């Protein structure tokens, strides 16, 4: 797996265990099969942003650049449809 380059800090927005369990069920794969996916590093680094980001720093609809070059948007509505 690719390592982060450059000085930190980095902030990781990690899904909950229940979100991982739901993903495995929906994909009908095991955790080991998930870890063997060739694009896993890209998926994981999508959840990492450079800098120290605290929950109080987030605003609804805020965008942030991830370390893999993508943009993510924060939804603070509390709706857990995903």
N, C-alpha and C. Protein backbone atom coordinates (compact mmCIF):
# COMPACT_ATOMS: atom_id res chain seq x y z
N UNK A 1 0.84 -1.17 0.00
CA UNK A 1 0.00 0.00 0.00
C UNK A 1 0.89 1.24 0.00
N UNK A 2 0.44 2.24 -0.65
CA UNK A 2 1.14 3.51 -0.75
C UNK A 2 1.16 4.23 0.61
N UNK A 3 2.28 4.82 0.95
CA UNK A 3 2.40 5.57 2.18
C UNK A 3 2.21 7.05 1.89
N UNK A 4 1.75 7.80 2.90
CA UNK A 4 1.62 9.23 2.75
C UNK A 4 3.00 9.85 2.65
N UNK A 5 3.12 10.81 1.77
CA UNK A 5 4.39 11.53 1.63
C UNK A 5 4.18 12.95 2.11
N UNK A 6 5.22 13.50 2.68
CA UNK A 6 5.13 14.87 3.15
C UNK A 6 4.84 14.92 4.63
N UNK A 7 4.96 16.12 5.12
CA UNK A 7 4.71 16.34 6.54
C UNK A 7 3.22 16.29 6.83
N UNK A 8 2.89 15.73 7.96
CA UNK A 8 1.51 15.72 8.42
C UNK A 8 1.19 17.04 9.08
N UNK A 9 0.13 17.13 9.73
CA UNK A 9 -0.74 16.01 10.07
C UNK A 9 -1.71 15.69 8.95
N UNK A 10 -2.34 14.54 9.08
CA UNK A 10 -3.40 14.11 8.18
C UNK A 10 -4.63 13.79 9.02
N UNK A 11 -5.80 13.96 8.44
CA UNK A 11 -7.04 13.60 9.11
C UNK A 11 -7.71 12.50 8.31
N UNK A 12 -8.07 11.41 9.00
CA UNK A 12 -8.73 10.27 8.36
C UNK A 12 -10.20 10.28 8.77
N UNK A 13 -11.08 10.24 7.79
CA UNK A 13 -12.51 10.12 8.04
C UNK A 13 -12.87 8.66 7.80
N UNK A 14 -12.87 7.90 8.88
CA UNK A 14 -13.05 6.46 8.80
C UNK A 14 -14.52 6.09 8.95
N UNK A 15 -15.00 5.21 8.09
CA UNK A 15 -16.36 4.70 8.25
C UNK A 15 -16.48 3.87 9.54
N UNK A 16 -17.66 3.74 10.04
CA UNK A 16 -17.91 2.93 11.23
C UNK A 16 -17.82 1.45 10.89
N UNK A 17 -17.69 0.62 11.91
CA UNK A 17 -17.68 -0.83 11.69
C UNK A 17 -18.96 -1.28 11.01
N UNK A 18 -20.09 -0.71 11.39
CA UNK A 18 -21.36 -1.11 10.77
C UNK A 18 -21.39 -0.74 9.29
N UNK A 19 -20.75 0.37 8.93
CA UNK A 19 -20.69 0.74 7.51
C UNK A 19 -19.85 -0.27 6.73
N UNK A 20 -18.73 -0.72 7.32
CA UNK A 20 -17.92 -1.75 6.67
C UNK A 20 -18.70 -3.05 6.53
N UNK A 21 -19.41 -3.44 7.58
CA UNK A 21 -20.20 -4.67 7.53
C UNK A 21 -21.27 -4.59 6.45
N UNK A 22 -21.92 -3.43 6.34
CA UNK A 22 -22.94 -3.23 5.31
C UNK A 22 -22.32 -3.32 3.91
N UNK A 23 -21.14 -2.74 3.74
CA UNK A 23 -20.45 -2.79 2.46
C UNK A 23 -20.12 -4.23 2.08
N UNK A 24 -19.57 -4.99 3.02
CA UNK A 24 -19.22 -6.39 2.75
C UNK A 24 -20.46 -7.19 2.37
N UNK A 25 -21.56 -6.94 3.06
CA UNK A 25 -22.80 -7.64 2.74
C UNK A 25 -23.30 -7.26 1.34
N UNK A 26 -23.30 -5.97 1.04
CA UNK A 26 -23.78 -5.52 -0.27
C UNK A 26 -22.91 -6.02 -1.41
N UNK A 27 -21.59 -6.09 -1.18
CA UNK A 27 -20.67 -6.57 -2.21
C UNK A 27 -20.56 -8.09 -2.23
N UNK A 28 -21.11 -8.74 -1.20
CA UNK A 28 -21.05 -10.19 -1.03
C UNK A 28 -19.61 -10.69 -1.08
N UNK A 29 -18.75 -10.03 -0.29
CA UNK A 29 -17.35 -10.43 -0.20
C UNK A 29 -16.93 -10.47 1.27
N UNK A 30 -15.79 -11.09 1.53
CA UNK A 30 -15.24 -11.14 2.88
C UNK A 30 -14.31 -9.94 3.09
N UNK A 31 -13.94 -9.71 4.35
CA UNK A 31 -12.99 -8.64 4.66
C UNK A 31 -11.66 -8.89 3.95
N UNK A 32 -11.22 -10.15 3.90
CA UNK A 32 -9.97 -10.47 3.20
C UNK A 32 -10.06 -10.15 1.71
N UNK A 33 -11.21 -10.43 1.11
CA UNK A 33 -11.39 -10.10 -0.31
C UNK A 33 -11.39 -8.59 -0.53
N UNK A 34 -11.96 -7.85 0.42
CA UNK A 34 -11.94 -6.39 0.33
C UNK A 34 -10.51 -5.88 0.38
N UNK A 35 -9.73 -6.41 1.32
CA UNK A 35 -8.34 -5.98 1.47
C UNK A 35 -7.48 -6.32 0.26
N UNK A 36 -7.90 -7.31 -0.53
CA UNK A 36 -7.15 -7.71 -1.72
C UNK A 36 -7.52 -6.91 -2.97
N UNK A 37 -8.47 -5.99 -2.86
CA UNK A 37 -8.90 -5.20 -4.02
C UNK A 37 -7.75 -4.34 -4.53
N UNK A 38 -7.50 -4.34 -5.84
CA UNK A 38 -6.37 -3.57 -6.38
C UNK A 38 -6.50 -2.05 -6.22
N UNK A 39 -7.71 -1.55 -6.09
CA UNK A 39 -7.89 -0.10 -5.96
C UNK A 39 -8.16 0.32 -4.51
N UNK A 40 -7.83 -0.54 -3.55
CA UNK A 40 -8.10 -0.23 -2.15
C UNK A 40 -7.37 1.03 -1.68
N UNK A 41 -6.13 1.22 -2.09
CA UNK A 41 -5.37 2.40 -1.67
C UNK A 41 -6.07 3.68 -2.13
N UNK A 42 -6.61 3.66 -3.34
CA UNK A 42 -7.32 4.84 -3.86
C UNK A 42 -8.57 5.13 -3.03
N UNK A 43 -9.29 4.08 -2.67
CA UNK A 43 -10.50 4.24 -1.86
C UNK A 43 -10.13 4.76 -0.47
N UNK A 44 -9.10 4.19 0.13
CA UNK A 44 -8.71 4.62 1.47
C UNK A 44 -8.21 6.05 1.50
N UNK A 45 -7.39 6.43 0.52
CA UNK A 45 -6.85 7.79 0.53
C UNK A 45 -7.91 8.83 0.16
N UNK A 46 -9.04 8.39 -0.37
CA UNK A 46 -10.18 9.29 -0.60
C UNK A 46 -10.72 9.79 0.74
N UNK A 47 -10.49 9.04 1.81
CA UNK A 47 -11.00 9.38 3.14
C UNK A 47 -9.98 10.11 4.00
N UNK A 48 -8.89 10.60 3.38
CA UNK A 48 -7.83 11.28 4.12
C UNK A 48 -7.62 12.67 3.53
N UNK A 49 -7.59 13.67 4.39
CA UNK A 49 -7.30 15.04 3.96
C UNK A 49 -6.06 15.53 4.68
N UNK A 50 -5.28 16.37 4.01
CA UNK A 50 -4.11 16.93 4.69
C UNK A 50 -4.54 17.91 5.77
N UNK A 51 -3.80 17.94 6.86
CA UNK A 51 -4.07 18.88 7.94
C UNK A 51 -4.86 18.25 9.05
N UNK A 52 -4.95 18.98 10.13
CA UNK A 52 -5.72 18.55 11.30
C UNK A 52 -7.10 19.17 11.19
N UNK A 53 -8.11 18.33 11.02
CA UNK A 53 -9.49 18.80 10.88
C UNK A 53 -10.30 18.24 12.03
N UNK A 54 -10.88 19.12 12.80
CA UNK A 54 -11.73 18.72 13.92
C UNK A 54 -13.19 18.81 13.50
N UNK A 55 -14.05 18.06 14.17
CA UNK A 55 -15.48 18.07 13.85
C UNK A 55 -16.04 19.49 13.87
N UNK A 56 -15.59 20.31 14.80
CA UNK A 56 -16.08 21.69 14.91
C UNK A 56 -15.67 22.54 13.71
N UNK A 57 -14.66 22.09 12.95
CA UNK A 57 -14.20 22.83 11.77
C UNK A 57 -15.09 22.60 10.55
N UNK A 58 -15.92 21.56 10.59
CA UNK A 58 -16.72 21.18 9.43
C UNK A 58 -18.00 21.99 9.36
N UNK A 59 -18.40 22.28 8.12
CA UNK A 59 -19.70 22.91 7.87
C UNK A 59 -20.43 22.10 6.83
N UNK A 60 -21.74 22.12 6.88
CA UNK A 60 -22.56 21.37 5.93
C UNK A 60 -22.30 21.85 4.52
N UNK A 61 -22.01 20.93 3.62
CA UNK A 61 -21.74 21.28 2.23
C UNK A 61 -20.30 21.65 1.95
N UNK A 62 -19.48 21.65 2.98
CA UNK A 62 -18.06 22.00 2.83
C UNK A 62 -17.36 20.97 1.94
N UNK A 63 -16.47 21.44 1.09
CA UNK A 63 -15.66 20.56 0.24
C UNK A 63 -14.23 20.54 0.76
N UNK A 64 -13.57 19.41 0.57
CA UNK A 64 -12.17 19.28 0.95
C UNK A 64 -11.45 18.41 -0.07
N UNK A 65 -10.22 18.78 -0.36
CA UNK A 65 -9.38 17.99 -1.27
C UNK A 65 -8.78 16.84 -0.48
N UNK A 66 -8.86 15.63 -1.03
CA UNK A 66 -8.30 14.46 -0.37
C UNK A 66 -6.88 14.23 -0.87
N UNK A 67 -6.14 13.36 -0.16
CA UNK A 67 -4.76 13.11 -0.57
C UNK A 67 -4.67 12.34 -1.89
N UNK A 68 -5.76 11.75 -2.35
CA UNK A 68 -5.70 11.08 -3.64
C UNK A 68 -6.12 11.99 -4.79
N UNK A 69 -6.33 13.28 -4.50
CA UNK A 69 -6.63 14.25 -5.54
C UNK A 69 -8.10 14.46 -5.83
N UNK A 70 -8.96 13.74 -5.16
CA UNK A 70 -10.40 13.90 -5.36
C UNK A 70 -10.93 14.95 -4.38
N UNK A 71 -12.17 15.35 -4.56
CA UNK A 71 -12.85 16.26 -3.64
C UNK A 71 -13.96 15.49 -2.95
N UNK A 72 -14.14 15.74 -1.68
CA UNK A 72 -15.29 15.18 -1.00
C UNK A 72 -16.10 16.31 -0.40
N UNK A 73 -17.40 16.04 -0.20
CA UNK A 73 -18.29 17.03 0.37
C UNK A 73 -18.88 16.48 1.66
N UNK A 74 -18.94 17.32 2.68
CA UNK A 74 -19.45 16.90 3.98
C UNK A 74 -20.94 17.17 4.07
N UNK A 75 -21.68 16.15 4.51
CA UNK A 75 -23.12 16.24 4.73
C UNK A 75 -23.32 16.07 6.24
N UNK A 76 -23.65 17.14 6.90
CA UNK A 76 -23.82 17.11 8.35
C UNK A 76 -25.28 16.99 8.77
N UNK A 77 -26.11 16.51 7.87
CA UNK A 77 -27.55 16.41 8.16
C UNK A 77 -27.87 15.33 9.18
N UNK A 78 -26.97 14.39 9.38
CA UNK A 78 -27.24 13.30 10.31
C UNK A 78 -27.97 12.15 9.68
N UNK A 79 -28.33 12.24 8.41
CA UNK A 79 -29.01 11.17 7.69
C UNK A 79 -27.98 10.12 7.33
N UNK A 80 -28.18 8.89 7.77
CA UNK A 80 -27.19 7.82 7.54
C UNK A 80 -27.65 6.87 6.45
N UNK A 81 -28.01 7.40 5.30
CA UNK A 81 -28.44 6.55 4.19
C UNK A 81 -27.29 5.83 3.51
N UNK A 82 -26.03 6.19 3.81
CA UNK A 82 -24.92 5.61 3.08
C UNK A 82 -24.08 4.70 3.80
